Amino acid sequence: MTTPAGFPTHRPRRLRQTPALRRLVAQTRLHPSALILPVFVREGIEAPVPISAMPGVVQHTLDSLVVVARRAQQAGLGGLMVFGVPSHRDAVGSGADHPQGILNVALRAVRSATGDDLVLMADLCLDEFTDHGHCGVLADPGRRAGAATDDARRRFPLRGPLIDNDATLQRYAAMALAQADSGAHVLGLSGMMDGQVGYVRTALDAAGYADIVLLAYAAKYASGFYGPFREAVGATLRGDRTTYQQDPANATEALREVALDIAEGADLVMVKPAMPYLDIVRAVAHASAVPVSAYQVSGEYAMLEAAAANGWLDRQRVVMESLIGIHRAGAAQILTYHALDAAGWLEESRA
């Protein structure tokens, strides 16, 4: 007797009948250790300051930062990514590598409190520390990339700010050494400068920091979804970062950027943002020889929170669905402002 090829013999719904059956065959399993909580620490405040565009997220004091770091440790999160918000900014971001700069002070405080029980990550970029808000050092306004003579620069003036890529690498190296000195386990190179991974790796190795992990923001897109982050770090940016972050229309160059960063010594690579770029997450995960992370950015967080606050979506359900989708696409680690809530929900589901 020939076995029928389809219905009624094949009934996929059999495996969906009960929560226990669905758990048994679940292909994608999310764990708190896959979640990384981004946090902001602000210089010169006496109490946490709410971020209006990101309900539930604050700019921390040093004391409240240590409290949330301990919560992250107890919740079993994969790590904490720390961003500094200084009270003073200048053209070259001097506070980024100063021993008493807010980010470096914060790193020391968290490392002292949590030791090696929580992976401590530091944002390695100048945008929070520069008065112009760009991720690097600005070049001479009269310079044009590729124009070798003064006459060529006059005839072909640059439209918009130009970042001096190679001068910026020197600042990144100084920042990396300061963050390593301050106890960071992982440095998140987020500036999208050419050669940043290799330059920083060389500087760290020469200084005896060969064990410091580098997380390269290899495929960071020039996205409108970063909007609420600007408030979170008190950004001074005018214009945009389209000359160094990736064009949202392009996919192939993401694989090129990833390959270059891995060749330069990246231990982890990242795609940012997450949900609008799940195809990129998937492609990078297939191509990468190192673990792949994705950042569910401030705008993604704000949209979910706004919809939930209006009663349009079930907050817990859509947050977890979004994180599972990012994980399913290939991200082994997810940076998300929902990390603590998600860890709690995961714990409840196992109880």
Protein backbone atom coordinates (compact mmCIF):
# COMPACT_ATOMS: atom_id res chain seq x y z
CA MET A 1 0.00 0.00 0.00
CA THR A 2 1.42 3.41 -0.99
CA THR A 3 1.77 5.96 1.82
CA PRO A 4 0.01 9.24 0.94
CA ALA A 5 2.37 12.15 0.30
CA GLY A 6 0.37 14.73 2.20
CA PHE A 7 -2.83 15.33 4.18
CA PRO A 8 -4.36 13.51 6.02
CA THR A 9 -1.22 11.52 6.89
CA HIS A 10 0.91 14.65 7.40
CA ARG A 11 -0.50 17.00 10.01
CA PRO A 12 2.13 19.58 11.10
CA ARG A 13 -0.32 20.88 13.70
CA ARG A 14 0.34 17.77 15.78
CA LEU A 15 3.53 19.42 17.03
CA ARG A 16 1.72 22.63 18.02
CA GLN A 17 -0.97 21.21 20.28
CA THR A 18 0.40 22.15 23.69
CA PRO A 19 3.02 24.52 25.14
CA ALA A 20 5.08 21.48 26.14
CA LEU A 21 5.11 20.12 22.59
CA ARG A 22 5.98 23.54 21.18
CA ARG A 23 8.89 23.83 23.62
CA LEU A 24 10.06 20.36 22.69
CA VAL A 25 10.44 21.18 18.99
CA ALA A 26 11.40 24.85 19.24
CA GLN A 27 14.24 25.47 16.79
CA THR A 28 15.35 28.83 18.20
CA ARG A 29 15.98 29.10 21.93
CA LEU A 30 16.76 32.44 23.52
CA HIS A 31 18.79 32.60 26.76
CA PRO A 32 19.71 35.59 28.95
CA SER A 33 23.38 34.93 28.23
CA ALA A 34 22.74 35.96 24.61
CA LEU A 35 21.51 39.41 25.70
CA ILE A 36 23.68 42.48 26.23
CA LEU A 37 22.30 45.57 27.98
CA PRO A 38 23.44 48.98 26.65
CA VAL A 39 23.64 51.62 29.42
CA PHE A 40 24.43 55.33 29.60
CA VAL A 41 26.39 56.99 32.40
CA ARG A 42 26.36 60.78 32.62
CA GLU A 43 28.90 63.00 34.26
CA GLY A 44 27.81 65.55 36.88
CA ILE A 45 24.32 64.32 37.80
CA GLU A 46 23.15 63.33 41.27
CA ALA A 47 20.22 61.10 40.25
CA PRO A 48 19.35 59.10 37.14
CA VAL A 49 17.85 61.21 34.34
CA PRO A 50 15.00 59.65 32.31
CA ILE A 51 15.37 59.64 28.52
CA SER A 52 12.04 60.86 27.18
CA ALA A 53 12.35 59.14 23.80
CA MET A 54 13.19 55.81 25.47
CA PRO A 55 10.68 55.20 28.29
CA GLY A 56 12.23 53.13 31.06
CA VAL A 57 15.81 53.97 30.05
CA VAL A 58 17.89 56.52 31.98
CA GLN A 59 21.22 58.26 32.03
CA HIS A 60 22.86 56.71 35.07
CA THR A 61 24.94 58.12 37.86
CA LEU A 62 28.00 56.09 38.78
CA ASP A 63 26.13 54.62 41.75
CA SER A 64 23.01 53.65 39.79
CA LEU A 65 25.20 52.21 37.03
CA VAL A 66 26.82 49.85 39.52
CA VAL A 67 23.36 48.82 40.76
CA VAL A 68 22.16 47.96 37.25
CA ALA A 69 25.43 46.15 36.52
CA ARG A 70 24.85 43.91 39.52
CA ARG A 71 21.27 43.30 38.34
CA ALA A 72 22.60 42.32 34.92
CA GLN A 73 25.06 39.94 36.55
CA GLN A 74 22.38 38.35 38.72
CA ALA A 75 20.04 38.02 35.72
CA GLY A 76 22.71 36.09 33.82
CA LEU A 77 23.00 38.59 30.99
CA GLY A 78 25.78 38.14 28.48
CA GLY A 79 27.22 41.57 29.10
CA LEU A 80 26.89 45.30 29.69
CA MET A 81 27.79 47.86 26.97
CA VAL A 82 28.65 51.21 28.56
CA PHE A 83 28.33 54.61 26.85
CA GLY A 84 29.69 57.77 28.47
CA VAL A 85 27.97 61.16 28.46
CA PRO A 86 30.56 63.83 29.39
CA SER A 87 29.88 67.33 30.66
CA HIS A 88 32.57 68.78 28.39
CA ARG A 89 33.29 68.12 24.72
CA ASP A 90 35.97 69.34 22.35
CA ALA A 91 37.08 68.90 18.74
CA VAL A 92 39.14 65.75 19.33
CA GLY A 93 37.11 64.16 22.12
CA SER A 94 39.76 64.55 24.82
CA GLY A 95 37.51 63.06 27.48
CA ALA A 96 37.43 59.73 25.67
CA ASP A 97 40.93 58.69 26.73
CA HIS A 98 41.41 60.82 29.86
CA PRO A 99 41.76 58.59 32.94
CA GLN A 100 39.13 60.69 34.71
CA GLY A 101 36.78 60.80 31.73
CA ILE A 102 33.31 59.61 32.69
CA LEU A 103 33.41 56.43 30.61
CA ASN A 104 36.74 55.28 32.01
CA VAL A 105 35.72 56.09 35.59
CA ALA A 106 32.49 54.14 35.03
CA LEU A 107 34.35 51.13 33.63
CA ARG A 108 36.56 50.99 36.71
CA ALA A 109 33.52 51.20 38.99
CA VAL A 110 31.67 48.38 37.24
CA ARG A 111 34.73 46.13 36.95
CA SER A 112 35.39 46.60 40.67
CA ALA A 113 31.80 45.63 41.47
CA THR A 114 31.35 42.66 39.13
CA GLY A 115 34.85 41.44 38.35
CA ASP A 116 34.86 38.75 35.70
CA ASP A 117 31.31 37.59 36.46
CA LEU A 118 29.87 40.02 33.90
CA VAL A 119 31.37 40.78 30.50
CA LEU A 120 32.11 44.49 30.59
CA MET A 121 31.97 46.18 27.19
CA ALA A 122 32.95 49.74 26.32
CA ASP A 123 31.79 51.80 23.38
CA LEU A 124 34.90 52.85 21.49
CA CYS A 125 33.86 55.88 19.47
CA LEU A 126 34.38 59.62 19.70
CA ASP A 127 30.88 60.89 18.90
CA GLU A 128 29.81 61.27 22.55
CA PHE A 129 32.99 63.20 23.31
CA THR A 130 33.35 65.59 20.34
CA ASP A 131 31.73 69.02 20.18
CA HIS A 132 30.79 68.42 16.53
CA GLY A 133 29.21 65.03 17.26
CA HIS A 134 31.03 63.05 14.59
CA CYS A 135 32.73 59.72 15.22
CA GLY A 136 36.18 60.99 14.30
CA VAL A 137 38.52 63.93 13.97
CA LEU A 138 37.42 66.50 11.40
CA ALA A 139 39.86 67.19 8.56
CA ASP A 140 40.92 70.58 7.26
CA PRO A 141 37.75 72.11 5.74
CA GLY A 142 39.71 72.91 2.55
CA ARG A 143 40.76 69.33 2.00
CA ARG A 144 39.07 67.03 -0.46
CA ALA A 145 39.64 63.29 -0.35
CA GLY A 146 41.78 62.28 -3.30
CA ALA A 147 42.67 65.85 -4.25
CA ALA A 148 46.45 66.00 -4.00
CA THR A 149 46.99 69.69 -4.70
CA ASP A 150 45.69 72.92 -3.26
CA ASP A 151 44.39 73.88 -6.70
CA ALA A 152 42.38 70.66 -6.94
CA ARG A 153 40.92 71.24 -3.49
CA ARG A 154 39.80 74.76 -4.51
CA ARG A 155 38.24 73.53 -7.73
CA PHE A 156 36.52 70.58 -6.08
CA PRO A 157 35.51 71.79 -2.61
CA LEU A 158 34.13 69.24 -0.19
CA ARG A 159 30.43 69.46 0.57
CA GLY A 160 29.87 68.59 4.21
CA PRO A 161 32.35 67.56 6.92
CA LEU A 162 35.18 65.21 6.12
CA ILE A 163 36.47 62.83 8.75
CA ASP A 164 40.23 62.39 8.81
CA ASN A 165 40.23 58.60 8.88
CA ASP A 166 43.88 58.07 9.79
CA ALA A 167 44.06 60.79 12.44
CA THR A 168 40.94 59.26 13.96
CA LEU A 169 42.65 55.87 14.22
CA GLN A 170 45.25 57.42 16.50
CA ARG A 171 42.51 58.70 18.78
CA TYR A 172 40.85 55.27 18.77
CA ALA A 173 44.10 53.63 19.81
CA ALA A 174 44.46 56.04 22.74
CA MET A 175 40.86 55.41 23.71
CA ALA A 176 41.36 51.65 23.50
CA LEU A 177 44.34 51.76 25.86
CA ALA A 178 42.40 53.90 28.34
CA GLN A 179 39.45 51.49 28.29
CA ALA A 180 41.73 48.49 28.68
CA ASP A 181 43.46 50.21 31.60
CA SER A 182 40.01 50.80 33.11
CA GLY A 183 39.01 47.14 33.07
CA ALA A 184 36.88 46.61 29.97
CA HIS A 185 36.81 43.03 28.73
CA VAL A 186 35.47 43.93 25.28
CA LEU A 187 35.93 47.07 23.19
CA GLY A 188 33.11 47.91 20.79
CA LEU A 189 34.63 49.67 17.80
CA SER A 190 31.62 51.51 16.44
CA GLY A 191 33.09 54.37 14.39
CA MET A 192 33.20 52.65 10.96
CA MET A 193 36.66 54.00 10.15
CA ASP A 194 38.70 52.06 7.61
CA GLY A 195 41.42 50.03 9.32
CA GLN A 196 40.17 50.67 12.86
CA VAL A 197 40.28 47.05 13.99
CA GLY A 198 43.84 46.40 12.87
CA TYR A 199 45.11 49.71 14.23
CA VAL A 200 43.56 49.17 17.65
CA ARG A 201 44.61 45.51 17.78
CA THR A 202 48.21 46.49 17.08
CA ALA A 203 48.18 49.18 19.77
CA LEU A 204 46.66 46.86 22.37
CA ASP A 205 49.07 44.03 21.63
CA ALA A 206 52.07 46.36 21.84
CA ALA A 207 50.89 47.54 25.24
CA GLY A 208 50.47 44.00 26.60
CA TYR A 209 46.68 43.80 26.15
CA ALA A 210 46.59 40.85 23.78
CA ASP A 211 43.62 39.32 25.64
CA ILE A 212 41.27 42.28 25.16
CA VAL A 213 38.36 41.24 22.91
CA LEU A 214 37.42 43.41 19.93
CA LEU A 215 33.79 43.66 18.85
CA ALA A 216 33.72 45.31 15.44
CA TYR A 217 30.60 47.17 14.39
CA ALA A 218 31.39 45.84 10.94
CA ALA A 219 28.06 46.52 9.23
CA LYS A 220 26.77 49.71 10.82
CA TYR A 221 24.24 51.48 8.63
CA ALA A 222 23.50 55.21 8.38
CA SER A 223 20.06 54.75 9.87
CA GLY A 224 17.20 56.96 11.01
CA PHE A 225 16.53 54.42 13.75
CA TYR A 226 19.28 55.96 15.90
CA GLY A 227 17.15 59.03 16.65
CA PRO A 228 16.39 58.45 20.36
CA PHE A 229 20.05 57.60 21.00
CA ARG A 230 20.90 61.22 20.20
CA GLU A 231 18.98 62.31 23.30
CA ALA A 232 20.50 59.51 25.36
CA VAL A 233 24.05 60.75 24.78
CA GLY A 234 23.26 64.46 24.42
CA ALA A 235 24.52 64.36 20.83
CA THR A 236 25.73 67.58 19.22
CA LEU A 237 25.69 66.16 15.68
CA ARG A 238 24.58 68.34 12.80
CA GLY A 239 24.11 66.65 9.48
CA ASP A 240 24.62 62.93 9.16
CA ARG A 241 27.24 60.18 9.01
CA THR A 242 26.60 58.94 5.50
CA THR A 243 30.26 59.38 4.47
CA TYR A 244 31.40 56.62 6.83
CA GLN A 245 28.41 54.52 7.88
CA GLN A 246 26.91 52.15 5.31
CA ASP A 247 24.21 53.01 2.80
CA PRO A 248 20.92 51.24 3.71
CA ALA A 249 20.50 50.34 0.04
CA ASN A 250 23.60 48.14 0.00
CA ALA A 251 24.14 44.57 1.16
CA THR A 252 27.30 43.30 -0.53
CA GLU A 253 29.57 45.86 1.12
CA ALA A 254 28.50 44.54 4.52
CA LEU A 255 30.19 41.25 3.69
CA ARG A 256 33.28 43.11 2.52
CA GLU A 257 33.42 45.12 5.75
CA VAL A 258 33.01 41.96 7.83
CA ALA A 259 35.76 40.15 5.94
CA LEU A 260 38.14 43.09 6.36
CA ASP A 261 37.44 43.40 10.09
CA ILE A 262 37.96 39.68 10.68
CA ALA A 263 41.20 39.81 8.70
CA GLU A 264 42.35 42.69 10.92
CA GLY A 265 41.69 40.72 14.10
CA ALA A 266 38.05 41.22 15.11
CA ASP A 267 36.92 38.60 17.62
CA LEU A 268 33.21 39.42 17.15
CA VAL A 269 31.35 41.33 14.45
CA MET A 270 28.09 43.24 14.59
CA VAL A 271 25.22 44.32 12.37
CA LYS A 272 23.44 47.53 13.43
CA PRO A 273 20.46 48.17 13.44
CA ALA A 274 18.87 44.75 13.78
CA MET A 275 15.24 44.39 12.66
CA PRO A 276 15.43 46.44 9.41
CA TYR A 277 18.59 44.52 8.48
CA LEU A 278 17.75 40.90 9.27
CA ASP A 279 18.78 39.92 5.75
CA ILE A 280 22.22 41.34 6.52
CA VAL A 281 22.35 39.48 9.84
CA ARG A 282 21.57 36.27 8.01
CA ALA A 283 24.14 36.88 5.27
CA VAL A 284 26.86 37.84 7.76
CA ALA A 285 26.11 34.83 9.96
CA HIS A 286 26.56 32.54 6.95
CA ALA A 287 29.84 34.19 5.94
CA SER A 288 31.50 34.97 9.27
CA ALA A 289 34.08 32.76 10.94
CA VAL A 290 33.54 34.60 14.26
CA PRO A 291 30.38 35.09 16.36
CA VAL A 292 27.87 37.61 15.01
CA SER A 293 26.04 40.17 17.13
CA ALA A 294 23.15 42.50 16.29
CA TYR A 295 22.06 45.73 17.99
CA GLN A 296 18.34 46.35 18.50
CA VAL A 297 18.80 50.11 18.51
CA SER A 298 17.03 52.97 20.26
CA GLY A 299 14.48 53.57 17.52
CA GLU A 300 13.46 49.93 17.49
CA TYR A 301 13.04 50.06 21.27
CA ALA A 302 11.08 53.33 21.10
CA MET A 303 8.64 52.00 18.47
CA LEU A 304 7.81 48.89 20.50
CA GLU A 305 7.42 50.89 23.70
CA ALA A 306 5.20 53.51 22.06
CA ALA A 307 2.93 50.92 20.47
CA ALA A 308 2.65 49.01 23.75
CA ALA A 309 1.95 52.19 25.73
CA ASN A 310 -0.92 52.95 23.36
CA GLY A 311 -2.36 49.47 23.81
CA TRP A 312 -1.75 48.57 20.17
CA LEU A 313 0.61 45.67 20.90
CA ASP A 314 1.21 43.19 23.70
CA ARG A 315 4.56 44.45 25.03
CA GLN A 316 6.02 41.20 26.32
CA ARG A 317 4.88 39.23 23.31
CA VAL A 318 6.26 41.57 20.66
CA VAL A 319 9.53 42.21 22.50
CA MET A 320 10.20 38.50 22.78
CA GLU A 321 9.09 37.90 19.20
CA SER A 322 11.48 40.59 17.95
CA LEU A 323 14.40 39.14 19.90
CA ILE A 324 13.68 35.60 18.74
CA GLY A 325 13.53 36.88 15.16
CA ILE A 326 16.95 38.52 15.48
CA HIS A 327 18.37 35.38 17.08
CA ARG A 328 16.76 33.17 14.40
CA ALA A 329 18.33 35.30 11.68
CA GLY A 330 21.77 34.39 13.02
CA ALA A 331 22.74 36.80 15.80
CA ALA A 332 24.44 34.88 18.59
CA GLN A 333 24.39 37.98 20.79
CA ILE A 334 21.81 40.77 20.86
CA LEU A 335 22.33 44.23 22.29
CA THR A 336 18.91 45.36 23.48
CA TYR A 337 17.50 47.85 25.98
CA HIS A 338 14.93 45.17 26.80
CA ALA A 339 17.62 42.78 28.08
CA LEU A 340 16.68 42.80 31.78
CA ASP A 341 12.95 42.50 31.11
CA ALA A 342 13.52 39.73 28.59
CA ALA A 343 15.77 37.84 31.01
CA GLY A 344 13.01 38.02 33.62
CA TRP A 345 10.39 36.74 31.23
CA LEU A 346 12.65 33.89 30.17
CA GLU A 347 13.16 32.93 33.80
CA GLU A 348 9.40 32.98 34.41
CA SER A 349 8.82 30.74 31.39
CA ARG A 350 11.21 28.15 32.81
CA ALA A 351 9.68 28.21 36.29
